[in-house]
Amino acid sequence: MKNKLKRILGVITAISLLLQMSFVITSNAAEYFSLDFESATDTMGWTSANAPGDMSIATDEDNSINKYFKFANTNGSGTRNAYYTFDSDAQTTENGLEVFANHGVFKEENVLGQKFIVNADLVCDTRSAGKEDNLEKSVNYAEVCNLITKVMRNNTFKLIEAAAENIAEKILLEYDLIREVTITLKKPWAPIMMSVDTVEVSITRKWHRAYIALGSNMGDSKGHLDGAVKELDADKCCRVKKVSEFIVTEPVGGVEQDDFLNGCLELETLYTPYELLVFLHKIEQAHNRERIVHWGPRTLDLDIILYDDVVMYEDDLIIPHIEMENREFVLKPLCEIAPYIKNPVNGKSIKQLLSEIQK
């Protein structure tokens, strides 16, 4: 006896492969979803599974993906076959971009897959595109949809948080015009064993502006500074925009040592302040930096001076740099590349701070 359940819209009940429990799935008019409960006889021409929980996958001529699995009936009456069918093509709806992909913690989610809905809010300057009616000066949203679809389909993530992070990063790296993006990723078929419309995560990522001080007084100091600039610019999440001239300065702190070579650079980065700090320390270590004597000699010193308008006071990171206003060897090269950038604590420009320290 065959009991067939088909629903085009609304909520349907599916079977959890691992736990043999039901959970709620939301479908919509753009997709056809069905569950067939029947005897072990395979009437659809697919290879039968060998044991409860096994599955096979087939593709129809219209390229829709059809999946089949066998599970144990919880009432003890034997096994049943379950089939479901859907259109695998990504499509945009009023709710967002719908993509079928294979993300989730459970193995079955990685193999069978499910529907995800992605929304992307892009922040960019559309003035020139609007005035000139020129697509080349805007962002082609069809291309963005294709990029999102590729990220979703070509990867398998356990968490929707990871999928959202990857989408945001890919968009920001691919399109120079986009300065900020908000990604909302919904998982309406999440197997959480209770009735919910969806689970979702929303993140905002952007290019940040940071100013980095560079210093060295050991070995090939200019080589160390030049190398640090190149290593920063080579990282996909960093873009060096400006570099000051390097200046020779006397050491501070009372430690007997050679003169320093100092400079500053302007950096665009996708890193958070702590991520950037870790990356700078990694570069320092690559140049054999040793922290033995406080304010002592060093092959390479990289400090975050400013990061957007962030003000933070943590044990291992203070922004703006706590000694910035007292160090002419920082303010002078910084004034060369960003004289009117302001200290977010007191509102004073770099040019003003330099003038005050030189009095």
Protein backbone atom coordinates (compact mmCIF):
# COMPACT_ATOMS: atom_id res chain seq x y z
CA MET A 1 0.00 0.00 0.00
CA LYS A 2 1.47 3.27 -1.07
CA ASN A 3 0.96 6.47 0.89
CA LYS A 4 2.14 9.49 -1.02
CA LEU A 5 2.64 12.93 0.40
CA LYS A 6 3.23 15.87 -1.93
CA ARG A 7 3.17 19.54 -1.10
CA ILE A 8 4.09 22.52 -3.29
CA LEU A 9 3.81 25.19 -0.57
CA GLY A 10 3.97 25.32 3.19
CA VAL A 11 5.40 22.92 5.71
CA ILE A 12 6.13 19.25 5.16
CA THR A 13 7.46 16.59 7.47
CA ALA A 14 10.59 14.70 6.48
CA ILE A 15 12.46 11.85 8.11
CA SER A 16 15.77 12.31 9.91
CA LEU A 17 18.14 9.63 8.69
CA LEU A 18 20.30 9.40 11.77
CA LEU A 19 17.79 9.83 14.56
CA GLN A 20 14.65 8.61 12.75
CA MET A 21 12.78 11.66 14.02
CA SER A 22 10.72 14.21 12.15
CA PHE A 23 11.60 17.81 11.48
CA VAL A 24 9.92 20.68 9.65
CA ILE A 25 10.88 21.79 6.17
CA THR A 26 9.53 24.86 4.41
CA SER A 27 9.01 24.71 0.66
CA ASN A 28 7.88 27.37 -1.82
CA ALA A 29 6.28 27.73 -5.22
CA ALA A 30 9.61 27.77 -7.02
CA GLU A 31 10.38 24.22 -5.97
CA TYR A 32 8.66 20.87 -6.09
CA PHE A 33 9.25 18.68 -3.08
CA SER A 34 7.76 15.23 -2.51
CA LEU A 35 8.13 12.31 -0.17
CA ASP A 36 7.08 8.86 -1.39
CA PHE A 37 6.59 6.18 1.24
CA GLU A 38 6.32 2.77 -0.40
CA SER A 39 7.41 -0.80 -0.19
CA ALA A 40 10.96 -1.96 -0.78
CA THR A 41 10.14 -2.53 -4.45
CA ASP A 42 11.85 0.18 -6.48
CA THR A 43 9.25 1.38 -8.97
CA MET A 44 11.27 4.40 -10.15
CA GLY A 45 14.19 2.48 -11.63
CA TRP A 46 16.76 3.52 -9.06
CA THR A 47 19.17 1.21 -7.32
CA SER A 48 17.74 0.15 -3.99
CA ALA A 49 19.70 0.89 -0.84
CA ASN A 50 21.18 -2.12 0.89
CA ALA A 51 20.41 -1.19 4.47
CA PRO A 52 18.49 1.38 6.49
CA GLY A 53 20.18 4.74 6.14
CA ASP A 54 21.90 3.94 2.82
CA MET A 55 21.11 6.09 -0.18
CA SER A 56 21.59 6.47 -3.92
CA ILE A 57 21.44 9.57 -6.11
CA ALA A 58 20.14 9.96 -9.65
CA THR A 59 19.84 12.85 -12.13
CA ASP A 60 16.87 13.25 -14.44
CA GLU A 61 17.08 14.37 -18.07
CA ASP A 62 16.06 17.89 -17.05
CA ASN A 63 19.09 17.98 -14.69
CA SER A 64 16.96 18.03 -11.56
CA ILE A 65 18.60 16.02 -8.81
CA ASN A 66 16.59 13.13 -7.38
CA LYS A 67 17.66 11.45 -4.18
CA TYR A 68 16.52 8.23 -2.60
CA PHE A 69 17.16 6.64 0.76
CA LYS A 70 15.81 3.76 2.82
CA PHE A 71 15.02 4.06 6.50
CA ALA A 72 13.61 1.87 9.23
CA ASN A 73 9.97 2.48 10.05
CA THR A 74 9.75 3.49 13.70
CA ASN A 75 6.56 1.48 14.26
CA GLY A 76 8.45 -1.75 13.60
CA SER A 77 6.59 -2.68 10.42
CA GLY A 78 9.75 -2.91 8.38
CA THR A 79 11.64 -0.60 6.06
CA ARG A 80 10.37 2.05 3.66
CA ASN A 81 11.87 3.93 0.76
CA ALA A 82 11.77 7.74 0.69
CA TYR A 83 12.26 9.82 -2.43
CA TYR A 84 12.47 13.54 -2.86
CA THR A 85 12.83 15.66 -5.97
CA PHE A 86 13.60 19.31 -6.53
CA ASP A 87 14.96 21.74 -9.11
CA SER A 88 18.70 22.13 -8.46
CA ASP A 89 19.16 25.41 -10.35
CA ALA A 90 19.82 28.48 -8.20
CA GLN A 91 17.10 31.08 -8.56
CA THR A 92 16.23 34.49 -7.20
CA THR A 93 12.92 35.03 -5.43
CA GLU A 94 11.45 37.85 -3.40
CA ASN A 95 13.10 36.21 -0.40
CA GLY A 96 16.62 36.17 -1.86
CA LEU A 97 18.87 33.90 -3.91
CA GLU A 98 17.89 30.27 -3.41
CA VAL A 99 20.72 27.76 -3.76
CA PHE A 100 20.72 24.02 -3.18
CA ALA A 101 23.97 23.10 -1.41
CA ASN A 102 25.50 20.59 0.98
CA HIS A 103 26.32 22.42 4.20
CA GLY A 104 25.68 21.17 7.70
CA VAL A 105 27.08 19.31 10.68
CA PHE A 106 25.39 16.00 9.84
CA LYS A 107 26.78 13.68 7.17
CA GLU A 108 23.35 13.42 5.55
CA GLU A 109 23.27 17.19 5.05
CA ASN A 110 26.62 17.01 3.27
CA VAL A 111 25.45 14.21 0.97
CA LEU A 112 21.76 14.91 0.40
CA GLY A 113 21.96 18.69 0.60
CA GLN A 114 19.18 21.20 1.18
CA LYS A 115 17.94 24.66 0.29
CA PHE A 116 19.66 27.85 1.43
CA ILE A 117 18.56 31.46 0.90
CA VAL A 118 21.21 34.17 0.57
CA ASN A 119 20.73 37.93 0.70
CA ALA A 120 23.61 40.33 0.01
CA ASP A 121 23.53 44.06 0.78
CA LEU A 122 26.37 45.77 -1.08
CA VAL A 123 27.76 49.20 -0.16
CA CYS A 124 29.40 51.01 -3.06
CA ASP A 125 29.51 54.39 -4.79
CA THR A 126 26.86 54.36 -7.54
CA ARG A 127 27.09 58.05 -8.43
CA SER A 128 29.10 57.69 -11.65
CA ALA A 129 27.11 54.66 -12.80
CA GLY A 130 23.85 56.50 -12.21
CA LYS A 131 24.95 59.74 -13.89
CA GLU A 132 26.43 57.99 -16.93
CA ASP A 133 24.07 54.98 -17.05
CA ASN A 134 27.19 52.84 -17.37
CA LEU A 135 27.28 49.26 -16.04
CA GLU A 136 31.09 49.24 -16.08
CA LYS A 137 31.03 51.79 -13.27
CA SER A 138 28.68 49.73 -11.16
CA VAL A 139 28.47 46.16 -9.90
CA ASN A 140 26.83 43.54 -12.08
CA TYR A 141 24.46 41.87 -9.64
CA ALA A 142 24.06 38.86 -11.95
CA GLU A 143 27.79 38.23 -11.57
CA VAL A 144 27.49 38.58 -7.79
CA CYS A 145 24.68 36.01 -7.79
CA ASN A 146 26.89 33.63 -9.79
CA LEU A 147 29.77 34.16 -7.37
CA ILE A 148 27.55 33.42 -4.37
CA THR A 149 26.20 30.30 -6.07
CA LYS A 150 29.71 29.01 -6.79
CA VAL A 151 30.84 29.54 -3.20
CA MET A 152 27.77 27.73 -1.91
CA ARG A 153 28.02 24.80 -4.33
CA ASN A 154 31.76 24.31 -4.62
CA ASN A 155 32.34 24.02 -0.87
CA THR A 156 30.97 22.01 2.02
CA PHE A 157 30.85 23.88 5.33
CA LYS A 158 29.66 22.57 8.67
CA LEU A 159 28.36 25.98 9.74
CA ILE A 160 26.35 28.61 7.90
CA GLU A 161 28.61 31.10 9.69
CA ALA A 162 31.55 29.75 7.68
CA ALA A 163 29.58 29.89 4.43
CA ALA A 164 28.61 33.52 5.10
CA GLU A 165 32.22 34.48 5.91
CA ASN A 166 33.47 32.95 2.67
CA ILE A 167 30.81 34.66 0.58
CA ALA A 168 31.54 38.06 2.12
CA GLU A 169 35.29 37.70 1.64
CA LYS A 170 34.97 36.55 -1.98
CA ILE A 171 32.74 39.50 -2.86
CA LEU A 172 35.02 42.08 -1.22
CA LEU A 173 38.10 40.62 -2.88
CA GLU A 174 36.47 40.34 -6.31
CA TYR A 175 34.89 43.80 -6.61
CA ASP A 176 36.98 46.86 -5.82
CA LEU A 177 33.90 49.08 -5.95
CA ILE A 178 32.26 47.25 -3.06
CA ARG A 179 33.49 48.62 0.26
CA GLU A 180 31.13 46.81 2.61
CA VAL A 181 28.80 43.84 2.41
CA THR A 182 26.13 42.37 4.66
CA ILE A 183 25.40 38.68 4.07
CA THR A 184 22.27 37.06 5.48
CA LEU A 185 22.23 33.30 5.04
CA LYS A 186 19.07 31.35 5.85
CA LYS A 187 18.71 27.61 6.33
CA PRO A 188 14.96 26.89 6.23
CA TRP A 189 15.33 23.10 6.30
CA ALA A 190 17.61 22.94 9.33
CA PRO A 191 17.17 19.58 11.14
CA ILE A 192 16.55 20.96 14.62
CA MET A 193 13.60 18.71 15.52
CA MET A 194 11.05 21.47 16.08
CA SER A 195 8.82 23.76 14.06
CA VAL A 196 10.64 26.91 12.90
CA ASP A 197 10.46 28.96 9.72
CA THR A 198 14.22 29.14 9.33
CA VAL A 199 17.56 29.60 11.07
CA GLU A 200 19.87 32.30 9.81
CA VAL A 201 23.06 34.23 10.35
CA SER A 202 23.77 37.81 9.29
CA ILE A 203 27.26 39.33 9.15
CA THR A 204 28.70 42.64 7.95
CA ARG A 205 32.24 42.78 6.62
CA LYS A 206 34.14 45.71 5.10
CA TRP A 207 37.49 47.14 4.12
CA HIS A 208 39.05 48.90 7.10
CA ARG A 209 41.71 51.61 7.03
CA ALA A 210 44.69 51.20 9.32
CA TYR A 211 47.94 53.07 9.77
CA ILE A 212 51.02 51.04 10.62
CA ALA A 213 54.33 52.31 12.01
CA LEU A 214 57.50 50.53 10.86
CA GLY A 215 60.91 50.57 12.52
CA SER A 216 64.26 48.76 12.42
CA ASN A 217 67.79 49.26 13.75
CA MET A 218 69.39 45.86 13.24
CA GLY A 219 70.87 44.30 10.13
CA ASP A 220 69.61 45.56 6.77
CA SER A 221 67.05 47.97 8.19
CA LYS A 222 65.80 49.23 4.84
CA GLY A 223 65.55 45.67 3.59
CA HIS A 224 63.45 44.74 6.62
CA LEU A 225 61.09 47.69 6.11
CA ASP A 226 60.78 47.13 2.36
CA GLY A 227 60.19 43.45 2.97
CA ALA A 228 57.41 44.15 5.47
CA VAL A 229 55.66 46.45 2.99
CA LYS A 230 55.80 43.78 0.29
CA GLU A 231 54.59 41.03 2.62
CA LEU A 232 51.64 43.13 3.74
CA ASP A 233 50.68 44.00 0.19
CA ALA A 234 51.00 40.37 -0.93
CA ASP A 235 48.40 39.17 1.57
CA LYS A 236 44.94 38.86 0.00
CA CYS A 237 43.30 40.60 2.95
CA CYS A 238 45.61 43.64 2.86
CA ARG A 239 46.20 46.45 0.39
CA VAL A 240 49.03 48.91 0.95
CA LYS A 241 47.80 52.30 -0.29
CA LYS A 242 50.57 54.70 0.74
CA VAL A 243 54.09 54.43 2.17
CA SER A 244 56.03 57.32 3.68
CA GLU A 245 59.67 58.05 3.17
CA PHE A 246 61.88 56.26 5.67
CA ILE A 247 63.65 58.56 8.12
CA VAL A 248 66.61 58.04 10.46
CA THR A 249 65.77 58.73 14.11
CA GLU A 250 67.49 58.48 17.45
CA PRO A 251 66.40 55.68 19.79
CA VAL A 252 64.17 56.42 22.80
CA GLY A 253 63.81 54.65 26.12
CA GLY A 254 67.37 54.99 27.44
CA VAL A 255 68.73 51.77 25.93
CA GLU A 256 72.14 52.11 24.26
CA GLN A 257 71.63 51.09 20.62
CA ASP A 258 71.96 52.19 17.00
CA ASP A 259 69.72 54.74 15.29
CA PHE A 260 66.42 53.57 13.83
CA LEU A 261 64.98 53.70 10.36
CA ASN A 262 61.28 54.58 10.70
CA GLY A 263 58.27 55.02 8.46
CA CYS A 264 54.49 54.66 8.24
CA LEU A 265 52.06 53.16 5.76
CA GLU A 266 48.36 53.32 5.04
CA LEU A 267 46.67 49.95 4.79
CA GLU A 268 43.27 48.70 3.71
CA THR A 269 42.47 45.40 5.37
CA LEU A 270 39.70 42.88 5.94
CA TYR A 271 41.32 41.82 9.20
CA THR A 272 39.94 42.75 12.59
CA PRO A 273 42.36 44.61 14.88
CA TYR A 274 43.40 41.39 16.63
CA GLU A 275 43.75 39.48 13.37
CA LEU A 276 45.91 42.29 12.01
CA LEU A 277 48.04 42.27 15.16
CA VAL A 278 48.64 38.52 14.78
CA PHE A 279 49.59 38.99 11.13
CA LEU A 280 52.04 41.80 11.96
CA HIS A 281 53.68 39.64 14.62
CA LYS A 282 54.00 36.86 12.06
CA ILE A 283 55.85 39.19 9.71
CA GLU A 284 58.11 40.36 12.54
CA GLN A 285 58.97 36.76 13.40
CA ALA A 286 59.81 36.08 9.75
CA HIS A 287 62.42 38.84 10.11
CA ASN A 288 63.84 37.23 13.28
CA ARG A 289 62.35 39.75 15.69
CA GLU A 290 63.23 38.97 19.31
CA ARG A 291 61.56 40.64 22.29
CA ILE A 292 64.33 40.53 24.87
CA VAL A 293 64.89 44.12 26.05
CA HIS A 294 61.96 46.56 26.36
CA TRP A 295 62.50 49.38 23.87
CA GLY A 296 65.66 47.57 22.82
CA PRO A 297 67.12 46.95 19.34
CA ARG A 298 65.04 45.02 16.84
CA THR A 299 65.19 43.79 13.26
CA LEU A 300 61.60 44.84 12.62
CA ASP A 301 58.91 46.57 14.64
CA LEU A 302 55.33 46.89 13.30
CA ASP A 303 52.73 48.76 15.36
CA ILE A 304 49.06 49.54 14.71
CA ILE A 305 48.76 53.31 15.21
CA LEU A 306 45.17 53.86 14.04
CA TYR A 307 42.40 51.54 12.85
CA ASP A 308 39.33 53.31 11.44
CA ASP A 309 37.91 55.34 14.34
CA VAL A 310 38.31 52.44 16.75
CA VAL A 311 39.14 53.19 20.37
CA MET A 312 40.07 50.11 22.36
CA TYR A 313 42.04 49.48 25.54
CA GLU A 314 42.97 45.84 26.06
CA ASP A 315 45.94 44.33 27.86
CA ASP A 316 47.64 43.33 24.61
CA LEU A 317 46.28 45.93 22.19
CA ILE A 318 45.57 49.64 22.59
CA ILE A 319 44.23 51.70 19.67
CA PRO A 320 45.12 54.50 19.00
CA HIS A 321 48.66 53.54 19.96
CA ILE A 322 49.21 54.76 23.50
CA GLU A 323 52.55 56.44 22.69
CA MET A 324 51.54 57.91 19.33
CA GLU A 325 51.32 61.54 20.47
CA ASN A 326 54.74 61.37 22.17
CA ARG A 327 56.70 59.95 19.24
CA GLU A 328 57.92 62.31 16.57
CA PHE A 329 59.39 59.33 14.69
CA VAL A 330 55.78 58.13 14.26
CA LEU A 331 53.98 61.44 13.72
CA LYS A 332 56.43 62.81 11.14
CA PRO A 333 56.15 59.99 8.57
CA LEU A 334 52.44 59.60 9.37
CA CYS A 335 51.89 63.30 8.70
CA GLU A 336 53.50 62.84 5.28
CA ILE A 337 50.81 60.38 4.11
CA ALA A 338 47.79 61.37 6.27
CA PRO A 339 48.15 64.88 7.76
CA TYR A 340 44.43 65.42 8.36
CA ILE A 341 43.49 62.05 9.80
CA LYS A 342 42.29 62.64 13.36
CA ASN A 343 42.97 60.91 16.63
CA PRO A 344 39.48 59.61 17.56
CA VAL A 345 40.20 60.17 21.26
CA ASN A 346 40.81 63.93 21.20
CA GLY A 347 39.86 64.91 17.64
CA LYS A 348 43.28 66.35 16.86
CA SER A 349 44.75 65.87 13.39
CA ILE A 350 48.15 64.27 12.87
CA LYS A 351 49.43 67.60 11.57
CA GLN A 352 48.30 69.34 14.75
CA LEU A 353 49.82 66.66 16.98
CA LEU A 354 53.15 66.92 15.17
CA SER A 355 53.13 70.69 15.48
CA GLU A 356 52.54 70.45 19.21
CA ILE A 357 55.38 67.98 19.82
CA GLN A 358 57.83 70.06 17.78
CA LYS A 359 57.28 73.24 19.78
